[in-house]
Each structure stands twice: as C-alpha cells, then as structure tokens.
Amino acid sequence: YLKNKLGLSDSALSKQLSTLEDGGYVETERRLDGARHKVRAKLTP
C-alpha cells in the first residue's frame, strides 16, 4: 500500500522505512502470509 500510494520502488521505500526505524519513528513487522513474507509499518509514539 505504501509503495503504491507514494509511488516508490521497493528499495526506495525500504531505505526510507529503515531510516525512520533507525530514528525510532517507525516500527516494522515482517510476517508470513501463506508462502509470502509481508511487511507492514506503523508510527511509534
């Protein structure tokens, strides 16, 4: 959803999420959905 909404590539979105996660602003969660890994994100307090 984030990739499509923001018009970013996988790598560009991953980089931005990592930067925000390193700063303590975002939390990501990787989970298995069937045979596929899915990533989701949320803002931290």
ModelCIF file with pLDDT and N, C-alpha, C, O atoms, coordinates in Angstrom:
data_MODEL
#
_entry.id   MODEL 
#
_entity.id                         1 
_entity.type                       polymer 
_entity.pdbx_number_of_molecules   1 
#
_entity_poly.entity_id                      1 
_entity_poly.type                           'polypeptide(L)' 
_entity_poly.nstd_linkage                   no 
_entity_poly.nstd_monomer                   no 
_entity_poly.pdbx_seq_one_letter_code       YLKNKLGLSDSALSKQLSTLEDGGYVETERRLDGARHKVRAKLTP 
_entity_poly.pdbx_seq_one_letter_code_can   YLKNKLGLSDSALSKQLSTLEDGGYVETERRLDGARHKVRAKLTP 
_entity_poly.pdbx_strand_id                 A 
#
loop_
_entity_poly_seq.entity_id 
_entity_poly_seq.num 
_entity_poly_seq.mon_id 
_entity_poly_seq.hetero 
1 1  TYR n 
1 2  LEU n 
1 3  LYS n 
1 4  ASN n 
1 5  LYS n 
1 6  LEU n 
1 7  GLY n 
1 8  LEU n 
1 9  SER n 
1 10 ASP n 
1 11 SER n 
1 12 ALA n 
1 13 LEU n 
1 14 SER n 
1 15 LYS n 
1 16 GLN n 
1 17 LEU n 
1 18 SER n 
1 19 THR n 
1 20 LEU n 
1 21 GLU n 
1 22 ASP n 
1 23 GLY n 
1 24 GLY n 
1 25 TYR n 
1 26 VAL n 
1 27 GLU n 
1 28 THR n 
1 29 GLU n 
1 30 ARG n 
1 31 ARG n 
1 32 LEU n 
1 33 ASP n 
1 34 GLY n 
1 35 ALA n 
1 36 ARG n 
1 37 HIS n 
1 38 LYS n 
1 39 VAL n 
1 40 ARG n 
1 41 ALA n 
1 42 LYS n 
1 43 LEU n 
1 44 THR n 
1 45 PRO n 
#
_struct_asym.id          A 
_struct_asym.entity_id   1 
#
loop_
_ma_qa_metric.id 
_ma_qa_metric.mode 
_ma_qa_metric.name 
_ma_qa_metric.software_group_id 
_ma_qa_metric.type 
1 global pLDDT . pLDDT 
2 local  pLDDT . pLDDT 
#
_ma_qa_metric_global.metric_id      1 
_ma_qa_metric_global.metric_value   95.07 
_ma_qa_metric_global.model_id       1 
_ma_qa_metric_global.ordinal_id     1 
#
loop_
_ma_qa_metric_local.label_asym_id 
_ma_qa_metric_local.label_comp_id 
_ma_qa_metric_local.label_seq_id 
_ma_qa_metric_local.metric_id 
_ma_qa_metric_local.metric_value 
_ma_qa_metric_local.model_id 
_ma_qa_metric_local.ordinal_id 
A TYR 1  2 97.00 1 1  
A LEU 2  2 98.00 1 2  
A LYS 3  2 97.00 1 3  
A ASN 4  2 97.00 1 4  
A LYS 5  2 97.00 1 5  
A LEU 6  2 97.00 1 6  
A GLY 7  2 97.00 1 7  
A LEU 8  2 97.00 1 8  
A SER 9  2 97.00 1 9  
A ASP 10 2 95.00 1 10 
A SER 11 2 96.00 1 11 
A ALA 12 2 97.00 1 12 
A LEU 13 2 97.00 1 13 
A SER 14 2 96.00 1 14 
A LYS 15 2 97.00 1 15 
A GLN 16 2 98.00 1 16 
A LEU 17 2 98.00 1 17 
A SER 18 2 97.00 1 18 
A THR 19 2 97.00 1 19 
A LEU 20 2 98.00 1 20 
A GLU 21 2 98.00 1 21 
A ASP 22 2 97.00 1 22 
A GLY 23 2 97.00 1 23 
A GLY 24 2 98.00 1 24 
A TYR 25 2 98.00 1 25 
A VAL 26 2 98.00 1 26 
A GLU 27 2 98.00 1 27 
A THR 28 2 97.00 1 28 
A GLU 29 2 95.00 1 29 
A ARG 30 2 92.00 1 30 
A ARG 31 2 90.00 1 31 
A LEU 32 2 86.00 1 32 
A ASP 33 2 82.00 1 33 
A GLY 34 2 83.00 1 34 
A ALA 35 2 83.00 1 35 
A ARG 36 2 86.00 1 36 
A HIS 37 2 87.00 1 37 
A LYS 38 2 93.00 1 38 
A VAL 39 2 95.00 1 39 
A ARG 40 2 96.00 1 40 
A ALA 41 2 98.00 1 41 
A LYS 42 2 98.00 1 42 
A LEU 43 2 98.00 1 43 
A THR 44 2 98.00 1 44 
A PRO 45 2 97.00 1 45 
#
loop_
_atom_site.group_PDB 
_atom_site.id 
_atom_site.type_symbol 
_atom_site.label_atom_id 
_atom_site.label_alt_id 
_atom_site.label_comp_id 
_atom_site.label_asym_id 
_atom_site.label_entity_id 
_atom_site.label_seq_id 
_atom_site.pdbx_PDB_ins_code 
_atom_site.Cartn_x 
_atom_site.Cartn_y 
_atom_site.Cartn_z 
_atom_site.occupancy 
_atom_site.B_iso_or_equiv 
_atom_site.pdbx_formal_charge 
_atom_site.auth_seq_id 
_atom_site.auth_comp_id 
_atom_site.auth_asym_id 
_atom_site.auth_atom_id 
_atom_site.pdbx_PDB_model_num 
ATOM 1   N N  . TYR A 1 1  ? 0.832  -1.198  0.000  1.00 97.00 ? 1  TYR A N  1 
ATOM 2   C CA . TYR A 1 1  ? 0.000  0.000   0.000  1.00 97.00 ? 1  TYR A CA 1 
ATOM 3   C C  . TYR A 1 1  ? 0.870  1.253   0.000  1.00 97.00 ? 1  TYR A C  1 
ATOM 4   O O  . TYR A 1 1  ? 0.639  2.172   -0.786 1.00 97.00 ? 1  TYR A O  1 
ATOM 5   N N  . LEU A 1 2  ? 1.867  1.292   0.877  1.00 98.00 ? 2  LEU A N  1 
ATOM 6   C CA . LEU A 1 2  ? 2.756  2.452   0.953  1.00 98.00 ? 2  LEU A CA 1 
ATOM 7   C C  . LEU A 1 2  ? 3.504  2.661   -0.360 1.00 98.00 ? 2  LEU A C  1 
ATOM 8   O O  . LEU A 1 2  ? 3.646  3.788   -0.836 1.00 98.00 ? 2  LEU A O  1 
ATOM 9   N N  . LYS A 1 3  ? 3.974  1.573   -0.929 1.00 97.00 ? 3  LYS A N  1 
ATOM 10  C CA . LYS A 1 3  ? 4.706  1.632   -2.197 1.00 97.00 ? 3  LYS A CA 1 
ATOM 11  C C  . LYS A 1 3  ? 3.842  2.255   -3.291 1.00 97.00 ? 3  LYS A C  1 
ATOM 12  O O  . LYS A 1 3  ? 4.296  3.138   -4.019 1.00 97.00 ? 3  LYS A O  1 
ATOM 13  N N  . ASN A 1 4  ? 2.606  1.795   -3.403 1.00 97.00 ? 4  ASN A N  1 
ATOM 14  C CA . ASN A 1 4  ? 1.704  2.318   -4.435 1.00 97.00 ? 4  ASN A CA 1 
ATOM 15  C C  . ASN A 1 4  ? 1.271  3.750   -4.142 1.00 97.00 ? 4  ASN A C  1 
ATOM 16  O O  . ASN A 1 4  ? 1.247  4.583   -5.048 1.00 97.00 ? 4  ASN A O  1 
ATOM 17  N N  . LYS A 1 5  ? 0.935  4.041   -2.913 1.00 97.00 ? 5  LYS A N  1 
ATOM 18  C CA . LYS A 1 5  ? 0.459  5.384   -2.534 1.00 97.00 ? 5  LYS A CA 1 
ATOM 19  C C  . LYS A 1 5  ? 1.533  6.438   -2.765 1.00 97.00 ? 5  LYS A C  1 
ATOM 20  O O  . LYS A 1 5  ? 1.241  7.542   -3.224 1.00 97.00 ? 5  LYS A O  1 
ATOM 21  N N  . LEU A 1 6  ? 2.783  6.090   -2.443 1.00 97.00 ? 6  LEU A N  1 
ATOM 22  C CA . LEU A 1 6  ? 3.862  7.062   -2.541 1.00 97.00 ? 6  LEU A CA 1 
ATOM 23  C C  . LEU A 1 6  ? 4.623  6.989   -3.866 1.00 97.00 ? 6  LEU A C  1 
ATOM 24  O O  . LEU A 1 6  ? 5.461  7.845   -4.149 1.00 97.00 ? 6  LEU A O  1 
ATOM 25  N N  . GLY A 1 7  ? 4.333  5.971   -4.673 1.00 97.00 ? 7  GLY A N  1 
ATOM 26  C CA . GLY A 1 7  ? 4.992  5.838   -5.973 1.00 97.00 ? 7  GLY A CA 1 
ATOM 27  C C  . GLY A 1 7  ? 6.480  5.543   -5.858 1.00 97.00 ? 7  GLY A C  1 
ATOM 28  O O  . GLY A 1 7  ? 7.282  6.060   -6.636 1.00 97.00 ? 7  GLY A O  1 
ATOM 29  N N  . LEU A 1 8  ? 6.850  4.712   -4.887 1.00 97.00 ? 8  LEU A N  1 
ATOM 30  C CA . LEU A 1 8  ? 8.251  4.386   -4.649 1.00 97.00 ? 8  LEU A CA 1 
ATOM 31  C C  . LEU A 1 8  ? 8.572  2.964   -5.089 1.00 97.00 ? 8  LEU A C  1 
ATOM 32  O O  . LEU A 1 8  ? 7.693  2.104   -5.156 1.00 97.00 ? 8  LEU A O  1 
ATOM 33  N N  . SER A 1 9  ? 9.833  2.735   -5.385 1.00 97.00 ? 9  SER A N  1 
ATOM 34  C CA . SER A 1 9  ? 10.287 1.371   -5.659 1.00 97.00 ? 9  SER A CA 1 
ATOM 35  C C  . SER A 1 9  ? 10.426 0.636   -4.330 1.00 97.00 ? 9  SER A C  1 
ATOM 36  O O  . SER A 1 9  ? 10.416 1.253   -3.265 1.00 97.00 ? 9  SER A O  1 
ATOM 37  N N  . ASP A 1 10 ? 10.553 -0.675  -4.405 1.00 95.00 ? 10 ASP A N  1 
ATOM 38  C CA . ASP A 1 10 ? 10.764 -1.469  -3.187 1.00 95.00 ? 10 ASP A CA 1 
ATOM 39  C C  . ASP A 1 10 ? 11.985 -0.976  -2.419 1.00 95.00 ? 10 ASP A C  1 
ATOM 40  O O  . ASP A 1 10 ? 11.932 -0.787  -1.203 1.00 95.00 ? 10 ASP A O  1 
ATOM 41  N N  . SER A 1 11 ? 13.085 -0.771  -3.143 1.00 96.00 ? 11 SER A N  1 
ATOM 42  C CA . SER A 1 11 ? 14.325 -0.381  -2.469 1.00 96.00 ? 11 SER A CA 1 
ATOM 43  C C  . SER A 1 11 ? 14.236 1.013   -1.869 1.00 96.00 ? 11 SER A C  1 
ATOM 44  O O  . SER A 1 11 ? 14.752 1.246   -0.776 1.00 96.00 ? 11 SER A O  1 
ATOM 45  N N  . ALA A 1 12 ? 13.591 1.942   -2.565 1.00 97.00 ? 12 ALA A N  1 
ATOM 46  C CA . ALA A 1 12 ? 13.457 3.304   -2.041 1.00 97.00 ? 12 ALA A CA 1 
ATOM 47  C C  . ALA A 1 12 ? 12.594 3.318   -0.778 1.00 97.00 ? 12 ALA A C  1 
ATOM 48  O O  . ALA A 1 12 ? 12.927 3.990   0.199  1.00 97.00 ? 12 ALA A O  1 
ATOM 49  N N  . LEU A 1 13 ? 11.497 2.582   -0.800 1.00 97.00 ? 13 LEU A N  1 
ATOM 50  C CA . LEU A 1 13 ? 10.633 2.518   0.379  1.00 97.00 ? 13 LEU A CA 1 
ATOM 51  C C  . LEU A 1 13 ? 11.343 1.825   1.534  1.00 97.00 ? 13 LEU A C  1 
ATOM 52  O O  . LEU A 1 13 ? 11.250 2.278   2.675  1.00 97.00 ? 13 LEU A O  1 
ATOM 53  N N  . SER A 1 14 ? 12.039 0.750   1.258  1.00 96.00 ? 14 SER A N  1 
ATOM 54  C CA . SER A 1 14 ? 12.785 0.048   2.302  1.00 96.00 ? 14 SER A CA 1 
ATOM 55  C C  . SER A 1 14 ? 13.807 0.971   2.952  1.00 96.00 ? 14 SER A C  1 
ATOM 56  O O  . SER A 1 14 ? 13.961 0.973   4.174  1.00 96.00 ? 14 SER A O  1 
ATOM 57  N N  . LYS A 1 15 ? 14.501 1.750   2.138  1.00 97.00 ? 15 LYS A N  1 
ATOM 58  C CA . LYS A 1 15 ? 15.514 2.672   2.661  1.00 97.00 ? 15 LYS A CA 1 
ATOM 59  C C  . LYS A 1 15 ? 14.872 3.717   3.572  1.00 97.00 ? 15 LYS A C  1 
ATOM 60  O O  . LYS A 1 15 ? 15.390 3.998   4.652  1.00 97.00 ? 15 LYS A O  1 
ATOM 61  N N  . GLN A 1 16 ? 13.756 4.289   3.145  1.00 98.00 ? 16 GLN A N  1 
ATOM 62  C CA . GLN A 1 16 ? 13.089 5.313   3.953  1.00 98.00 ? 16 GLN A CA 1 
ATOM 63  C C  . GLN A 1 16 ? 12.545 4.727   5.255  1.00 98.00 ? 16 GLN A C  1 
ATOM 64  O O  . GLN A 1 16 ? 12.657 5.345   6.314  1.00 98.00 ? 16 GLN A O  1 
ATOM 65  N N  . LEU A 1 17 ? 11.962 3.549   5.173  1.00 98.00 ? 17 LEU A N  1 
ATOM 66  C CA . LEU A 1 17 ? 11.469 2.896   6.390  1.00 98.00 ? 17 LEU A CA 1 
ATOM 67  C C  . LEU A 1 17 ? 12.612 2.597   7.357  1.00 98.00 ? 17 LEU A C  1 
ATOM 68  O O  . LEU A 1 17 ? 12.480 2.791   8.565  1.00 98.00 ? 17 LEU A O  1 
ATOM 69  N N  . SER A 1 18 ? 13.733 2.125   6.815  1.00 97.00 ? 18 SER A N  1 
ATOM 70  C CA . SER A 1 18 ? 14.896 1.823   7.664  1.00 97.00 ? 18 SER A CA 1 
ATOM 71  C C  . SER A 1 18 ? 15.421 3.078   8.346  1.00 97.00 ? 18 SER A C  1 
ATOM 72  O O  . SER A 1 18 ? 15.761 3.047   9.528  1.00 97.00 ? 18 SER A O  1 
ATOM 73  N N  . THR A 1 19 ? 15.487 4.171   7.614  1.00 97.00 ? 19 THR A N  1 
ATOM 74  C CA . THR A 1 19 ? 15.954 5.439   8.183  1.00 97.00 ? 19 THR A CA 1 
ATOM 75  C C  . THR A 1 19 ? 15.048 5.878   9.320  1.00 97.00 ? 19 THR A C  1 
ATOM 76  O O  . THR A 1 19 ? 15.522 6.275   10.385 1.00 97.00 ? 19 THR A O  1 
ATOM 77  N N  . LEU A 1 20 ? 13.743 5.807   9.091  1.00 98.00 ? 20 LEU A N  1 
ATOM 78  C CA . LEU A 1 20 ? 12.785 6.204   10.129 1.00 98.00 ? 20 LEU A CA 1 
ATOM 79  C C  . LEU A 1 20 ? 12.786 5.229   11.304 1.00 98.00 ? 20 LEU A C  1 
ATOM 80  O O  . LEU A 1 20 ? 12.603 5.630   12.453 1.00 98.00 ? 20 LEU A O  1 
ATOM 81  N N  . GLU A 1 21 ? 12.993 3.957   11.008 1.00 98.00 ? 21 GLU A N  1 
ATOM 82  C CA . GLU A 1 21 ? 13.048 2.961   12.075 1.00 98.00 ? 21 GLU A CA 1 
ATOM 83  C C  . GLU A 1 21 ? 14.311 3.162   12.922 1.00 98.00 ? 21 GLU A C  1 
ATOM 84  O O  . GLU A 1 21 ? 14.262 3.051   14.147 1.00 98.00 ? 21 GLU A O  1 
ATOM 85  N N  . ASP A 1 22 ? 15.433 3.457   12.272 1.00 97.00 ? 22 ASP A N  1 
ATOM 86  C CA . ASP A 1 22 ? 16.682 3.732   12.997 1.00 97.00 ? 22 ASP A CA 1 
ATOM 87  C C  . ASP A 1 22 ? 16.531 4.956   13.900 1.00 97.00 ? 22 ASP A C  1 
ATOM 88  O O  . ASP A 1 22 ? 17.148 5.028   14.963 1.00 97.00 ? 22 ASP A O  1 
ATOM 89  N N  . GLY A 1 23 ? 15.715 5.910   13.476 1.00 97.00 ? 23 GLY A N  1 
ATOM 90  C CA . GLY A 1 23 ? 15.470 7.112   14.262 1.00 97.00 ? 23 GLY A CA 1 
ATOM 91  C C  . GLY A 1 23 ? 14.442 6.919   15.367 1.00 97.00 ? 23 GLY A C  1 
ATOM 92  O O  . GLY A 1 23 ? 14.206 7.824   16.167 1.00 97.00 ? 23 GLY A O  1 
ATOM 93  N N  . GLY A 1 24 ? 13.827 5.730   15.410 1.00 98.00 ? 24 GLY A N  1 
ATOM 94  C CA . GLY A 1 24 ? 12.832 5.442   16.434 1.00 98.00 ? 24 GLY A CA 1 
ATOM 95  C C  . GLY A 1 24 ? 11.438 5.953   16.115 1.00 98.00 ? 24 GLY A C  1 
ATOM 96  O O  . GLY A 1 24 ? 10.570 5.983   16.989 1.00 98.00 ? 24 GLY A O  1 
ATOM 97  N N  . TYR A 1 25 ? 11.215 6.360   14.860 1.00 98.00 ? 25 TYR A N  1 
ATOM 98  C CA . TYR A 1 25 ? 9.927  6.941   14.469 1.00 98.00 ? 25 TYR A CA 1 
ATOM 99  C C  . TYR A 1 25 ? 8.957  5.930   13.879 1.00 98.00 ? 25 TYR A C  1 
ATOM 100 O O  . TYR A 1 25 ? 7.750  6.174   13.847 1.00 98.00 ? 25 TYR A O  1 
ATOM 101 N N  . VAL A 1 26 ? 9.470  4.801   13.414 1.00 98.00 ? 26 VAL A N  1 
ATOM 102 C CA . VAL A 1 26 ? 8.642  3.794   12.745 1.00 98.00 ? 26 VAL A CA 1 
ATOM 103 C C  . VAL A 1 26 ? 9.004  2.423   13.299 1.00 98.00 ? 26 VAL A C  1 
ATOM 104 O O  . VAL A 1 26 ? 10.157 2.145   13.630 1.00 98.00 ? 26 VAL A O  1 
ATOM 105 N N  . GLU A 1 27 ? 7.995  1.586   13.390 1.00 98.00 ? 27 GLU A N  1 
ATOM 106 C CA . GLU A 1 27 ? 8.187  0.182   13.735 1.00 98.00 ? 27 GLU A CA 1 
ATOM 107 C C  . GLU A 1 27 ? 7.715  -0.637  12.540 1.00 98.00 ? 27 GLU A C  1 
ATOM 108 O O  . GLU A 1 27 ? 6.653  -0.368  11.978 1.00 98.00 ? 27 GLU A O  1 
ATOM 109 N N  . THR A 1 28 ? 8.500  -1.629  12.155 1.00 97.00 ? 28 THR A N  1 
ATOM 110 C CA . THR A 1 28 ? 8.067  -2.515  11.077 1.00 97.00 ? 28 THR A CA 1 
ATOM 111 C C  . THR A 1 28 ? 7.880  -3.913  11.634 1.00 97.00 ? 28 THR A C  1 
ATOM 112 O O  . THR A 1 28 ? 8.465  -4.297  12.647 1.00 97.00 ? 28 THR A O  1 
ATOM 113 N N  . GLU A 1 29 ? 7.048  -4.650  10.938 1.00 95.00 ? 29 GLU A N  1 
ATOM 114 C CA . GLU A 1 29 ? 6.763  -6.030  11.326 1.00 95.00 ? 29 GLU A CA 1 
ATOM 115 C C  . GLU A 1 29 ? 6.774  -6.879  10.064 1.00 95.00 ? 29 GLU A C  1 
ATOM 116 O O  . GLU A 1 29 ? 6.102  -6.564  9.082  1.00 95.00 ? 29 GLU A O  1 
ATOM 117 N N  . ARG A 1 30 ? 7.534  -7.938  10.102 1.00 92.00 ? 30 ARG A N  1 
ATOM 118 C CA . ARG A 1 30 ? 7.588  -8.882  8.987  1.00 92.00 ? 30 ARG A CA 1 
ATOM 119 C C  . ARG A 1 30 ? 6.847  -10.138 9.414  1.00 92.00 ? 30 ARG A C  1 
ATOM 120 O O  . ARG A 1 30 ? 7.109  -10.696 10.480 1.00 92.00 ? 30 ARG A O  1 
ATOM 121 N N  . ARG A 1 31 ? 5.918  -10.575 8.570  1.00 90.00 ? 31 ARG A N  1 
ATOM 122 C CA . ARG A 1 31 ? 5.145  -11.764 8.919  1.00 90.00 ? 31 ARG A CA 1 
ATOM 123 C C  . ARG A 1 31 ? 4.947  -12.622 7.686  1.00 90.00 ? 31 ARG A C  1 
ATOM 124 O O  . ARG A 1 31 ? 5.018  -12.152 6.551  1.00 90.00 ? 31 ARG A O  1 
ATOM 125 N N  . LEU A 1 32 ? 4.701  -13.880 7.942  1.00 86.00 ? 32 LEU A N  1 
ATOM 126 C CA . LEU A 1 32 ? 4.483  -14.832 6.862  1.00 86.00 ? 32 LEU A CA 1 
ATOM 127 C C  . LEU A 1 32 ? 2.985  -14.913 6.588  1.00 86.00 ? 32 LEU A C  1 
ATOM 128 O O  . LEU A 1 32 ? 2.186  -15.147 7.495  1.00 86.00 ? 32 LEU A O  1 
ATOM 129 N N  . ASP A 1 33 ? 2.616  -14.716 5.317  1.00 82.00 ? 33 ASP A N  1 
ATOM 130 C CA . ASP A 1 33 ? 1.224  -14.812 4.894  1.00 82.00 ? 33 ASP A CA 1 
ATOM 131 C C  . ASP A 1 33 ? 1.176  -15.875 3.799  1.00 82.00 ? 33 ASP A C  1 
ATOM 132 O O  . ASP A 1 33 ? 1.427  -15.590 2.628  1.00 82.00 ? 33 ASP A O  1 
ATOM 133 N N  . GLY A 1 34 ? 0.852  -17.092 4.193  1.00 83.00 ? 34 GLY A N  1 
ATOM 134 C CA . GLY A 1 34 ? 0.943  -18.207 3.252  1.00 83.00 ? 34 GLY A CA 1 
ATOM 135 C C  . GLY A 1 34 ? 2.410  -18.471 2.978  1.00 83.00 ? 34 GLY A C  1 
ATOM 136 O O  . GLY A 1 34 ? 3.188  -18.726 3.896  1.00 83.00 ? 34 GLY A O  1 
ATOM 137 N N  . ALA A 1 35 ? 2.782  -18.408 1.712  1.00 83.00 ? 35 ALA A N  1 
ATOM 138 C CA . ALA A 1 35 ? 4.178  -18.638 1.345  1.00 83.00 ? 35 ALA A CA 1 
ATOM 139 C C  . ALA A 1 35 ? 4.940  -17.318 1.175  1.00 83.00 ? 35 ALA A C  1 
ATOM 140 O O  . ALA A 1 35 ? 6.128  -17.330 0.852  1.00 83.00 ? 35 ALA A O  1 
ATOM 141 N N  . ARG A 1 36 ? 4.270  -16.188 1.389  1.00 86.00 ? 36 ARG A N  1 
ATOM 142 C CA . ARG A 1 36 ? 4.888  -14.887 1.140  1.00 86.00 ? 36 ARG A CA 1 
ATOM 143 C C  . ARG A 1 36 ? 5.151  -14.144 2.441  1.00 86.00 ? 36 ARG A C  1 
ATOM 144 O O  . ARG A 1 36 ? 4.365  -14.200 3.388  1.00 86.00 ? 36 ARG A O  1 
ATOM 145 N N  . HIS A 1 37 ? 6.259  -13.459 2.456  1.00 87.00 ? 37 HIS A N  1 
ATOM 146 C CA . HIS A 1 37 ? 6.571  -12.570 3.580  1.00 87.00 ? 37 HIS A CA 1 
ATOM 147 C C  . HIS A 1 37 ? 5.958  -11.215 3.293  1.00 87.00 ? 37 HIS A C  1 
ATOM 148 O O  . HIS A 1 37 ? 6.093  -10.680 2.192  1.00 87.00 ? 37 HIS A O  1 
ATOM 149 N N  . LYS A 1 38 ? 5.289  -10.670 4.282  1.00 93.00 ? 38 LYS A N  1 
ATOM 150 C CA . LYS A 1 38 ? 4.692  -9.340  4.138  1.00 93.00 ? 38 LYS A CA 1 
ATOM 151 C C  . LYS A 1 38 ? 5.271  -8.435  5.207  1.00 93.00 ? 38 LYS A C  1 
ATOM 152 O O  . LYS A 1 38 ? 5.556  -8.862  6.326  1.00 93.00 ? 38 LYS A O  1 
ATOM 153 N N  . VAL A 1 39 ? 5.437  -7.188  4.840  1.00 95.00 ? 39 VAL A N  1 
ATOM 154 C CA . VAL A 1 39 ? 5.964  -6.183  5.759  1.00 95.00 ? 39 VAL A CA 1 
ATOM 155 C C  . VAL A 1 39 ? 4.883  -5.136  5.942  1.00 95.00 ? 39 VAL A C  1 
ATOM 156 O O  . VAL A 1 39 ? 4.201  -4.737  4.998  1.00 95.00 ? 39 VAL A O  1 
ATOM 157 N N  . ARG A 1 40 ? 4.749  -4.703  7.189  1.00 96.00 ? 40 ARG A N  1 
ATOM 158 C CA . ARG A 1 40 ? 3.861  -3.592  7.463  1.00 96.00 ? 40 ARG A CA 1 
ATOM 159 C C  . ARG A 1 40 ? 4.576  -2.655  8.420  1.00 96.00 ? 40 ARG A C  1 
ATOM 160 O O  . ARG A 1 40 ? 5.541  -3.040  9.081  1.00 96.00 ? 40 ARG A O  1 
ATOM 161 N N  . ALA A 1 41 ? 4.089  -1.411  8.489  1.00 98.00 ? 41 ALA A N  1 
ATOM 162 C CA . ALA A 1 41 ? 4.764  -0.403  9.301  1.00 98.00 ? 41 ALA A CA 1 
ATOM 163 C C  . ALA A 1 41 ? 3.732  0.439   10.034 1.00 98.00 ? 41 ALA A C  1 
ATOM 164 O O  . ALA A 1 41 ? 2.578  0.557   9.624  1.00 98.00 ? 41 ALA A O  1 
ATOM 165 N N  . LYS A 1 42 ? 4.201  1.025   11.144 1.00 98.00 ? 42 LYS A N  1 
ATOM 166 C CA . LYS A 1 42 ? 3.373  1.978   11.883 1.00 98.00 ? 42 LYS A CA 1 
ATOM 167 C C  . LYS A 1 42 ? 4.287  2.996   12.542 1.00 98.00 ? 42 LYS A C  1 
ATOM 168 O O  . LYS A 1 42 ? 5.474  2.752   12.758 1.00 98.00 ? 42 LYS A O  1 
ATOM 169 N N  . LEU A 1 43 ? 3.698  4.149   12.858 1.00 98.00 ? 43 LEU A N  1 
ATOM 170 C CA . LEU A 1 43 ? 4.435  5.157   13.612 1.00 98.00 ? 43 LEU A CA 1 
ATOM 171 C C  . LEU A 1 43 ? 4.544  4.721   15.060 1.00 98.00 ? 43 LEU A C  1 
ATOM 172 O O  . LEU A 1 43 ? 3.611  4.141   15.616 1.00 98.00 ? 43 LEU A O  1 
ATOM 173 N N  . THR A 1 44 ? 5.668  4.997   15.658 1.00 98.00 ? 44 THR A N  1 
ATOM 174 C CA . THR A 1 44 ? 5.817  4.801   17.098 1.00 98.00 ? 44 THR A CA 1 
ATOM 175 C C  . THR A 1 44 ? 5.251  6.045   17.790 1.00 98.00 ? 44 THR A C  1 
ATOM 176 O O  . THR A 1 44 ? 5.004  7.052   17.127 1.00 98.00 ? 44 THR A O  1 
ATOM 177 N N  . PRO A 1 45 ? 5.044  5.994   19.089 1.00 97.00 ? 45 PRO A N  1 
ATOM 178 C CA . PRO A 1 45 ? 4.626  7.215   19.789 1.00 97.00 ? 45 PRO A CA 1 
ATOM 179 C C  . PRO A 1 45 ? 5.611  8.366   19.564 1.00 97.00 ? 45 PRO A C  1 
ATOM 180 O O  . PRO A 1 45 ? 5.407  9.464   20.082 1.00 97.00 ? 45 PRO A O  1 
#
